[in-house]
PDB file of all heavy atoms in Angstrom:
ATOM      1  N   THR A   1      -6.872   5.458   9.100  1.00  0.00           N
ATOM      2  CA  THR A   1      -8.025   5.277   8.252  1.00  0.00           C
ATOM      3  C   THR A   1      -7.788   4.089   7.283  1.00  0.00           C
ATOM      4  O   THR A   1      -8.685   3.241   7.098  1.00  0.00           O
ATOM      5  CB  THR A   1      -8.218   6.575   7.399  1.00  0.00           C
ATOM      6  OG1 THR A   1      -8.541   7.679   8.303  1.00  0.00           O
ATOM      7  CG2 THR A   1      -9.400   6.362   6.414  1.00  0.00           C
ATOM      8  N   ILE A   2      -6.613   4.048   6.682  1.00  0.00           N
ATOM      9  CA  ILE A   2      -6.347   2.947   5.709  1.00  0.00           C
ATOM     10  C   ILE A   2      -6.189   1.602   6.398  1.00  0.00           C
ATOM     11  O   ILE A   2      -6.665   0.574   5.923  1.00  0.00           O
ATOM     12  CB  ILE A   2      -5.086   3.306   4.871  1.00  0.00           C
ATOM     13  CG1 ILE A   2      -5.352   4.558   4.113  1.00  0.00           C
ATOM     14  CG2 ILE A   2      -4.714   2.106   3.957  1.00  0.00           C
ATOM     15  CD1 ILE A   2      -6.523   4.510   3.146  1.00  0.00           C
ATOM     16  N   ALA A   3      -5.599   1.611   7.595  1.00  0.00           N
ATOM     17  CA  ALA A   3      -5.529   0.389   8.370  1.00  0.00           C
ATOM     18  C   ALA A   3      -6.874  -0.190   8.646  1.00  0.00           C
ATOM     19  O   ALA A   3      -7.134  -1.434   8.570  1.00  0.00           O
ATOM     20  CB  ALA A   3      -4.775   0.590   9.665  1.00  0.00           C
ATOM     21  N   GLN A   4      -7.879   0.687   8.954  1.00  0.00           N
ATOM     22  CA  GLN A   4      -9.225   0.245   9.224  1.00  0.00           C
ATOM     23  C   GLN A   4      -9.846  -0.349   7.955  1.00  0.00           C
ATOM     24  O   GLN A   4     -10.520  -1.388   8.011  1.00  0.00           O
ATOM     25  CB  GLN A   4     -10.078   1.409   9.719  1.00  0.00           C
ATOM     26  CG  GLN A   4     -11.491   1.021  10.110  1.00  0.00           C
ATOM     27  CD  GLN A   4     -11.538   0.105  11.338  1.00  0.00           C
ATOM     28  OE1 GLN A   4     -10.925   0.328  12.353  1.00  0.00           O
ATOM     29  NE2 GLN A   4     -12.261  -1.026  11.195  1.00  0.00           N
ATOM     30  N   ARG A   5      -9.663   0.311   6.825  1.00  0.00           N
ATOM     31  CA  ARG A   5     -10.165  -0.240   5.572  1.00  0.00           C
ATOM     32  C   ARG A   5      -9.574  -1.598   5.225  1.00  0.00           C
ATOM     33  O   ARG A   5     -10.302  -2.479   4.782  1.00  0.00           O
ATOM     34  CB  ARG A   5      -9.957   0.789   4.439  1.00  0.00           C
ATOM     35  CG  ARG A   5     -10.524   2.130   4.651  1.00  0.00           C
ATOM     36  CD  ARG A   5     -12.049   2.069   4.692  1.00  0.00           C
ATOM     37  NE  ARG A   5     -12.621   3.367   5.070  1.00  0.00           N
ATOM     38  CZ  ARG A   5     -12.992   3.693   6.279  1.00  0.00           C
ATOM     39  NH1 ARG A   5     -12.839   2.843   7.316  1.00  0.00           N
ATOM     40  NH2 ARG A   5     -13.468   4.914   6.511  1.00  0.00           N
ATOM     41  N   LEU A   6      -8.306  -1.726   5.456  1.00  0.00           N
ATOM     42  CA  LEU A   6      -7.609  -3.019   5.194  1.00  0.00           C
ATOM     43  C   LEU A   6      -8.189  -4.114   6.125  1.00  0.00           C
ATOM     44  O   LEU A   6      -8.423  -5.233   5.655  1.00  0.00           O
ATOM     45  CB  LEU A   6      -6.122  -2.860   5.377  1.00  0.00           C
ATOM     46  CG  LEU A   6      -5.335  -2.128   4.289  1.00  0.00           C
ATOM     47  CD1 LEU A   6      -3.992  -1.688   4.814  1.00  0.00           C
ATOM     48  CD2 LEU A   6      -5.220  -2.963   3.027  1.00  0.00           C
ATOM     49  N   ALA A   7      -8.368  -3.791   7.381  1.00  0.00           N
ATOM     50  CA  ALA A   7      -8.930  -4.745   8.299  1.00  0.00           C
ATOM     51  C   ALA A   7     -10.335  -5.187   7.972  1.00  0.00           C
ATOM     52  O   ALA A   7     -10.780  -6.245   8.300  1.00  0.00           O
ATOM     53  CB  ALA A   7      -8.914  -4.185   9.745  1.00  0.00           C
ATOM     54  N   GLU A   8     -11.028  -4.291   7.233  1.00  0.00           N
ATOM     55  CA  GLU A   8     -12.424  -4.603   6.812  1.00  0.00           C
ATOM     56  C   GLU A   8     -12.410  -5.413   5.494  1.00  0.00           C
ATOM     57  O   GLU A   8     -13.473  -5.750   4.988  1.00  0.00           O
ATOM     58  CB  GLU A   8     -13.215  -3.345   6.608  1.00  0.00           C
ATOM     59  CG  GLU A   8     -13.437  -2.579   7.986  1.00  0.00           C
ATOM     60  CD  GLU A   8     -13.952  -1.167   7.729  1.00  0.00           C
ATOM     61  OE1 GLU A   8     -14.012  -0.696   6.538  1.00  0.00           O
ATOM     62  OE2 GLU A   8     -14.287  -0.486   8.711  1.00  0.00           O
ATOM     63  N   GLY A   9     -11.226  -5.633   4.900  1.00  0.00           N
ATOM     64  CA  GLY A   9     -11.139  -6.476   3.717  1.00  0.00           C
ATOM     65  C   GLY A   9     -10.942  -5.667   2.416  1.00  0.00           C
ATOM     66  O   GLY A   9     -10.895  -6.279   1.327  1.00  0.00           O
ATOM     67  N   SER A  10     -10.712  -4.378   2.498  1.00  0.00           N
ATOM     68  CA  SER A  10     -10.486  -3.586   1.299  1.00  0.00           C
ATOM     69  C   SER A  10      -9.121  -3.886   0.713  1.00  0.00           C
ATOM     70  O   SER A  10      -8.180  -4.239   1.443  1.00  0.00           O
ATOM     71  CB  SER A  10     -10.630  -2.082   1.547  1.00  0.00           C
ATOM     72  OG  SER A  10     -11.938  -1.782   1.883  1.00  0.00           O
ATOM     73  N   LEU A  11      -8.961  -3.706  -0.629  1.00  0.00           N
ATOM     74  CA  LEU A  11      -7.726  -3.795  -1.285  1.00  0.00           C
ATOM     75  C   LEU A  11      -7.200  -2.434  -1.661  1.00  0.00           C
ATOM     76  O   LEU A  11      -7.963  -1.626  -2.234  1.00  0.00           O
ATOM     77  CB  LEU A  11      -7.858  -4.667  -2.574  1.00  0.00           C
ATOM     78  CG  LEU A  11      -8.498  -6.058  -2.342  1.00  0.00           C
ATOM     79  CD1 LEU A  11      -8.622  -6.785  -3.679  1.00  0.00           C
ATOM     80  CD2 LEU A  11      -7.647  -6.894  -1.340  1.00  0.00           C
ATOM     81  N   VAL A  12      -5.979  -2.100  -1.328  1.00  0.00           N
ATOM     82  CA  VAL A  12      -5.485  -0.746  -1.379  1.00  0.00           C
ATOM     83  C   VAL A  12      -4.220  -0.631  -2.231  1.00  0.00           C
ATOM     84  O   VAL A  12      -3.286  -1.403  -2.051  1.00  0.00           O
ATOM     85  CB  VAL A  12      -5.171  -0.267   0.074  1.00  0.00           C
ATOM     86  CG1 VAL A  12      -4.528   1.148   0.053  1.00  0.00           C
ATOM     87  CG2 VAL A  12      -6.437  -0.272   0.886  1.00  0.00           C
ATOM     88  N   GLY A  13      -4.238   0.355  -3.137  1.00  0.00           N
ATOM     89  CA  GLY A  13      -3.018   0.758  -3.814  1.00  0.00           C
ATOM     90  C   GLY A  13      -2.287   1.833  -2.980  1.00  0.00           C
ATOM     91  O   GLY A  13      -2.943   2.815  -2.563  1.00  0.00           O
ATOM     92  N   TRP A  14      -1.022   1.640  -2.695  1.00  0.00           N
ATOM     93  CA  TRP A  14      -0.296   2.453  -1.739  1.00  0.00           C
ATOM     94  C   TRP A  14       0.952   3.089  -2.485  1.00  0.00           C
ATOM     95  O   TRP A  14       1.864   2.396  -2.821  1.00  0.00           O
ATOM     96  CB  TRP A  14       0.173   1.568  -0.561  1.00  0.00           C
ATOM     97  CG  TRP A  14       0.955   2.225   0.508  1.00  0.00           C
ATOM     98  CD1 TRP A  14       2.313   2.220   0.670  1.00  0.00           C
ATOM     99  CD2 TRP A  14       0.443   3.023   1.643  1.00  0.00           C
ATOM    100  NE1 TRP A  14       2.667   2.908   1.814  1.00  0.00           N
ATOM    101  CE2 TRP A  14       1.527   3.367   2.416  1.00  0.00           C
ATOM    102  CE3 TRP A  14      -0.858   3.393   2.020  1.00  0.00           C
ATOM    103  CZ2 TRP A  14       1.418   4.112   3.574  1.00  0.00           C
ATOM    104  CZ3 TRP A  14      -0.985   4.144   3.211  1.00  0.00           C
ATOM    105  CH2 TRP A  14       0.123   4.497   3.961  1.00  0.00           C
ATOM    106  N   PHE A  15       0.854   4.417  -2.654  1.00  0.00           N
ATOM    107  CA  PHE A  15       1.861   5.110  -3.472  1.00  0.00           C
ATOM    108  C   PHE A  15       2.385   6.252  -2.577  1.00  0.00           C
ATOM    109  O   PHE A  15       1.663   7.190  -2.278  1.00  0.00           O
ATOM    110  CB  PHE A  15       1.159   5.691  -4.683  1.00  0.00           C
ATOM    111  CG  PHE A  15       2.105   6.417  -5.653  1.00  0.00           C
ATOM    112  CD1 PHE A  15       2.379   5.848  -6.870  1.00  0.00           C
ATOM    113  CD2 PHE A  15       2.537   7.701  -5.351  1.00  0.00           C
ATOM    114  CE1 PHE A  15       3.211   6.525  -7.774  1.00  0.00           C
ATOM    115  CE2 PHE A  15       3.337   8.336  -6.260  1.00  0.00           C
ATOM    116  CZ  PHE A  15       3.685   7.809  -7.490  1.00  0.00           C
ATOM    117  N   GLN A  16       3.686   6.175  -2.225  1.00  0.00           N
ATOM    118  CA  GLN A  16       4.242   7.159  -1.378  1.00  0.00           C
ATOM    119  C   GLN A  16       5.761   7.175  -1.481  1.00  0.00           C
ATOM    120  O   GLN A  16       6.381   6.166  -1.797  1.00  0.00           O
ATOM    121  CB  GLN A  16       3.838   7.016   0.086  1.00  0.00           C
ATOM    122  CG  GLN A  16       4.197   5.669   0.651  1.00  0.00           C
ATOM    123  CD  GLN A  16       5.144   5.706   1.891  1.00  0.00           C
ATOM    124  OE1 GLN A  16       5.482   6.763   2.314  1.00  0.00           O
ATOM    125  NE2 GLN A  16       5.495   4.552   2.350  1.00  0.00           N
ATOM    126  N   GLY A  17       6.395   8.353  -1.223  1.00  0.00           N
ATOM    127  CA  GLY A  17       7.856   8.402  -1.168  1.00  0.00           C
ATOM    128  C   GLY A  17       8.548   8.099  -2.484  1.00  0.00           C
ATOM    129  O   GLY A  17       7.965   8.187  -3.553  1.00  0.00           O
ATOM    130  N   ARG A  18       9.836   7.760  -2.358  1.00  0.00           N
ATOM    131  CA  ARG A  18      10.657   7.526  -3.583  1.00  0.00           C
ATOM    132  C   ARG A  18      10.446   6.110  -4.118  1.00  0.00           C
ATOM    133  O   ARG A  18      10.284   5.119  -3.334  1.00  0.00           O
ATOM    134  CB  ARG A  18      12.112   7.717  -3.239  1.00  0.00           C
ATOM    135  CG  ARG A  18      12.466   9.154  -2.849  1.00  0.00           C
ATOM    136  CD  ARG A  18      13.940   9.326  -2.621  1.00  0.00           C
ATOM    137  NE  ARG A  18      14.714   9.274  -3.901  1.00  0.00           N
ATOM    138  CZ  ARG A  18      16.012   9.424  -4.000  1.00  0.00           C
ATOM    139  NH1 ARG A  18      16.740   9.673  -2.916  1.00  0.00           N
ATOM    140  NH2 ARG A  18      16.643   9.323  -5.124  1.00  0.00           N
ATOM    141  N   LEU A  19      10.422   5.993  -5.415  1.00  0.00           N
ATOM    142  CA  LEU A  19      10.257   4.698  -6.085  1.00  0.00           C
ATOM    143  C   LEU A  19      11.391   3.735  -5.722  1.00  0.00           C
ATOM    144  O   LEU A  19      12.528   4.113  -5.656  1.00  0.00           O
ATOM    145  CB  LEU A  19      10.282   4.954  -7.597  1.00  0.00           C
ATOM    146  CG  LEU A  19      10.312   3.724  -8.522  1.00  0.00           C
ATOM    147  CD1 LEU A  19       9.013   2.925  -8.439  1.00  0.00           C
ATOM    148  CD2 LEU A  19      10.568   4.122  -9.943  1.00  0.00           C
ATOM    149  N   GLU A  20      11.017   2.478  -5.466  1.00  0.00           N
ATOM    150  CA  GLU A  20      11.952   1.425  -5.174  1.00  0.00           C
ATOM    151  C   GLU A  20      12.725   1.103  -6.440  1.00  0.00           C
ATOM    152  O   GLU A  20      12.189   1.153  -7.538  1.00  0.00           O
ATOM    153  CB  GLU A  20      11.304   0.175  -4.664  1.00  0.00           C
ATOM    154  CG  GLU A  20      10.490   0.358  -3.399  1.00  0.00           C
ATOM    155  CD  GLU A  20       8.965   0.582  -3.683  1.00  0.00           C
ATOM    156  OE1 GLU A  20       8.634   1.125  -4.745  1.00  0.00           O
ATOM    157  OE2 GLU A  20       8.199   0.197  -2.853  1.00  0.00           O
ATOM    158  N   MET A  21      13.984   0.727  -6.282  1.00  0.00           N
ATOM    159  CA  MET A  21      14.707   0.047  -7.398  1.00  0.00           C
ATOM    160  C   MET A  21      14.695  -1.440  -7.149  1.00  0.00           C
ATOM    161  O   MET A  21      14.684  -1.897  -5.975  1.00  0.00           O
ATOM    162  CB  MET A  21      16.141   0.553  -7.429  1.00  0.00           C
ATOM    163  CG  MET A  21      16.864   0.152  -8.708  1.00  0.00           C
ATOM    164  SD  MET A  21      18.587   0.671  -8.735  1.00  0.00           S
ATOM    165  CE  MET A  21      18.975   0.415 -10.504  1.00  0.00           C
ATOM    166  N   GLY A  22      14.731  -2.247  -8.188  1.00  0.00           N
ATOM    167  CA  GLY A  22      14.723  -3.679  -8.060  1.00  0.00           C
ATOM    168  C   GLY A  22      13.349  -4.332  -8.262  1.00  0.00           C
ATOM    169  O   GLY A  22      12.368  -3.573  -8.473  1.00  0.00           O
ATOM    170  N   PRO A  23      13.266  -5.621  -8.207  1.00  0.00           N
ATOM    171  CA  PRO A  23      12.041  -6.273  -8.602  1.00  0.00           C
ATOM    172  C   PRO A  23      10.945  -6.342  -7.533  1.00  0.00           C
ATOM    173  O   PRO A  23       9.886  -6.787  -7.806  1.00  0.00           O
ATOM    174  CB  PRO A  23      12.513  -7.727  -8.908  1.00  0.00           C
ATOM    175  CG  PRO A  23      13.714  -7.888  -7.988  1.00  0.00           C
ATOM    176  CD  PRO A  23      14.377  -6.537  -7.946  1.00  0.00           C
ATOM    177  N   ARG A  24      11.257  -5.881  -6.300  1.00  0.00           N
ATOM    178  CA  ARG A  24      10.258  -5.973  -5.223  1.00  0.00           C
ATOM    179  C   ARG A  24       9.752  -4.557  -4.870  1.00  0.00           C
ATOM    180  O   ARG A  24      10.501  -3.605  -4.749  1.00  0.00           O
ATOM    181  CB  ARG A  24      10.904  -6.579  -3.956  1.00  0.00           C
ATOM    182  CG  ARG A  24      11.695  -7.819  -4.193  1.00  0.00           C
ATOM    183  CD  ARG A  24      10.841  -9.016  -4.533  1.00  0.00           C
ATOM    184  NE  ARG A  24      11.656 -10.201  -4.668  1.00  0.00           N
ATOM    185  CZ  ARG A  24      11.524 -11.069  -5.661  1.00  0.00           C
ATOM    186  NH1 ARG A  24      10.640 -10.867  -6.617  1.00  0.00           N
ATOM    187  NH2 ARG A  24      12.312 -12.115  -5.745  1.00  0.00           N
ATOM    188  N   ALA A  25       8.434  -4.455  -4.690  1.00  0.00           N
ATOM    189  CA  ALA A  25       7.852  -3.301  -4.088  1.00  0.00           C
ATOM    190  C   ALA A  25       7.981  -3.414  -2.568  1.00  0.00           C
ATOM    191  O   ALA A  25       7.610  -4.418  -1.965  1.00  0.00           O
ATOM    192  CB  ALA A  25       6.347  -3.235  -4.465  1.00  0.00           C
TER     193      ALA A  25
END
């Protein structure tokens, strides 16, 4: 579902699993 929305041009906030450490998401 989200892949389809992204392909259509939507911008998505993606929050899942354990938080990353360091400066990069």
